[in-house]
Every structure is written in C-alpha cells, then in structure tokens.
C-alpha atoms as a PDB file:
ATOM      1  CA  UNK A   1     -13.406  20.021 -23.099  1.00  0.00           C
ATOM      2  CA  UNK A   2     -15.345  21.793 -20.377  1.00  0.00           C
ATOM      3  CA  UNK A   3     -12.693  21.002 -17.759  1.00  0.00           C
ATOM      4  CA  UNK A   4      -9.941  22.007 -20.142  1.00  0.00           C
ATOM      5  CA  UNK A   5     -11.736  25.284 -20.855  1.00  0.00           C
ATOM      6  CA  UNK A   6     -12.050  25.952 -17.117  1.00  0.00           C
ATOM      7  CA  UNK A   7      -8.334  25.224 -16.687  1.00  0.00           C
ATOM      8  CA  UNK A   8      -9.184  22.501 -14.158  1.00  0.00           C
ATOM      9  CA  UNK A   9      -6.172  20.129 -14.181  1.00  0.00           C
ATOM     10  CA  UNK A  10      -7.499  18.061 -11.269  1.00  0.00           C
ATOM     11  CA  UNK A  11     -10.838  17.642 -13.025  1.00  0.00           C
ATOM     12  CA  UNK A  12      -9.084  16.573 -16.216  1.00  0.00           C
ATOM     13  CA  UNK A  13      -6.992  14.098 -14.230  1.00  0.00           C
ATOM     14  CA  UNK A  14     -10.148  12.436 -12.871  1.00  0.00           C
ATOM     15  CA  UNK A  15     -11.067  11.395 -16.419  1.00  0.00           C
ATOM     16  CA  UNK A  16      -7.956   9.220 -16.806  1.00  0.00           C
ATOM     17  CA  UNK A  17      -7.519   5.592 -15.781  1.00  0.00           C
ATOM     18  CA  UNK A  18      -5.250   4.845 -12.805  1.00  0.00           C
ATOM     19  CA  UNK A  19      -2.577   3.427 -15.145  1.00  0.00           C
ATOM     20  CA  UNK A  20      -1.925   5.210 -18.434  1.00  0.00           C
ATOM     21  CA  UNK A  21       0.500   4.952 -21.332  1.00  0.00           C
ATOM     22  CA  UNK A  22       1.008   8.511 -22.498  1.00  0.00           C
ATOM     23  CA  UNK A  23       4.047   9.863 -24.302  1.00  0.00           C
ATOM     24  CA  UNK A  24       4.555  13.513 -25.228  1.00  0.00           C
ATOM     25  CA  UNK A  25       7.510  13.786 -27.635  1.00  0.00           C
ATOM     26  CA  UNK A  26       9.957  16.625 -27.248  1.00  0.00           C
ATOM     27  CA  UNK A  27      13.173  17.780 -25.674  1.00  0.00           C
ATOM     28  CA  UNK A  28      14.313  16.402 -22.318  1.00  0.00           C
ATOM     29  CA  UNK A  29      14.785  20.009 -21.196  1.00  0.00           C
ATOM     30  CA  UNK A  30      11.022  20.638 -21.368  1.00  0.00           C
ATOM     31  CA  UNK A  31       9.294  19.415 -18.204  1.00  0.00           C
ATOM     32  CA  UNK A  32       5.961  18.806 -19.945  1.00  0.00           C
ATOM     33  CA  UNK A  33       7.398  16.293 -22.424  1.00  0.00           C
ATOM     34  CA  UNK A  34       8.136  12.632 -21.786  1.00  0.00           C
ATOM     35  CA  UNK A  35       6.291   9.517 -20.630  1.00  0.00           C
ATOM     36  CA  UNK A  36       3.529   9.337 -18.050  1.00  0.00           C
ATOM     37  CA  UNK A  37       2.209   6.115 -16.579  1.00  0.00           C
ATOM     38  CA  UNK A  38      -0.013   7.133 -13.638  1.00  0.00           C
ATOM     39  CA  UNK A  39      -3.151   9.259 -13.282  1.00  0.00           C
ATOM     40  CA  UNK A  40      -1.370  11.465 -10.719  1.00  0.00           C
ATOM     41  CA  UNK A  41       0.950  12.696 -13.473  1.00  0.00           C
ATOM     42  CA  UNK A  42      -1.870  14.220 -15.531  1.00  0.00           C
ATOM     43  CA  UNK A  43      -2.730  17.319 -13.451  1.00  0.00           C
ATOM     44  CA  UNK A  44       0.897  18.482 -13.203  1.00  0.00           C
ATOM     45  CA  UNK A  45       1.184  18.127 -16.989  1.00  0.00           C
ATOM     46  CA  UNK A  46      -1.770  20.442 -17.594  1.00  0.00           C
ATOM     47  CA  UNK A  47      -0.592  22.875 -14.896  1.00  0.00           C
ATOM     48  CA  UNK A  48       2.840  23.108 -16.491  1.00  0.00           C
ATOM     49  CA  UNK A  49       1.644  23.128 -20.080  1.00  0.00           C
END
C-alpha cells in the first residue's frame, strides 16, 4: 500500500513473482485491461491506470 500511495509502479512491480497469472476484465480498447503473465508488465499497468 505504501508503494501504491507513493505512485511507485516500479516498486510495486518488485513485489510480484517473475511469472504471474493476472487478468483485468474489460474492453479491448482499454490498454490497462487484459492478461498479464510477466513481472515486467506490472509497472506499465500501474503507470497507465
């Protein structure tokens, strides 16, 4: 929560495993929705969101 509060997407990303199974439902036209499978996809999600 601290990293989220500081808007630190790279810090948040560090908390995730290398391989993830994360699905954000929504429209294909929204870049922050969809499936993510790698840690490197976490920071861009929080930057975009």
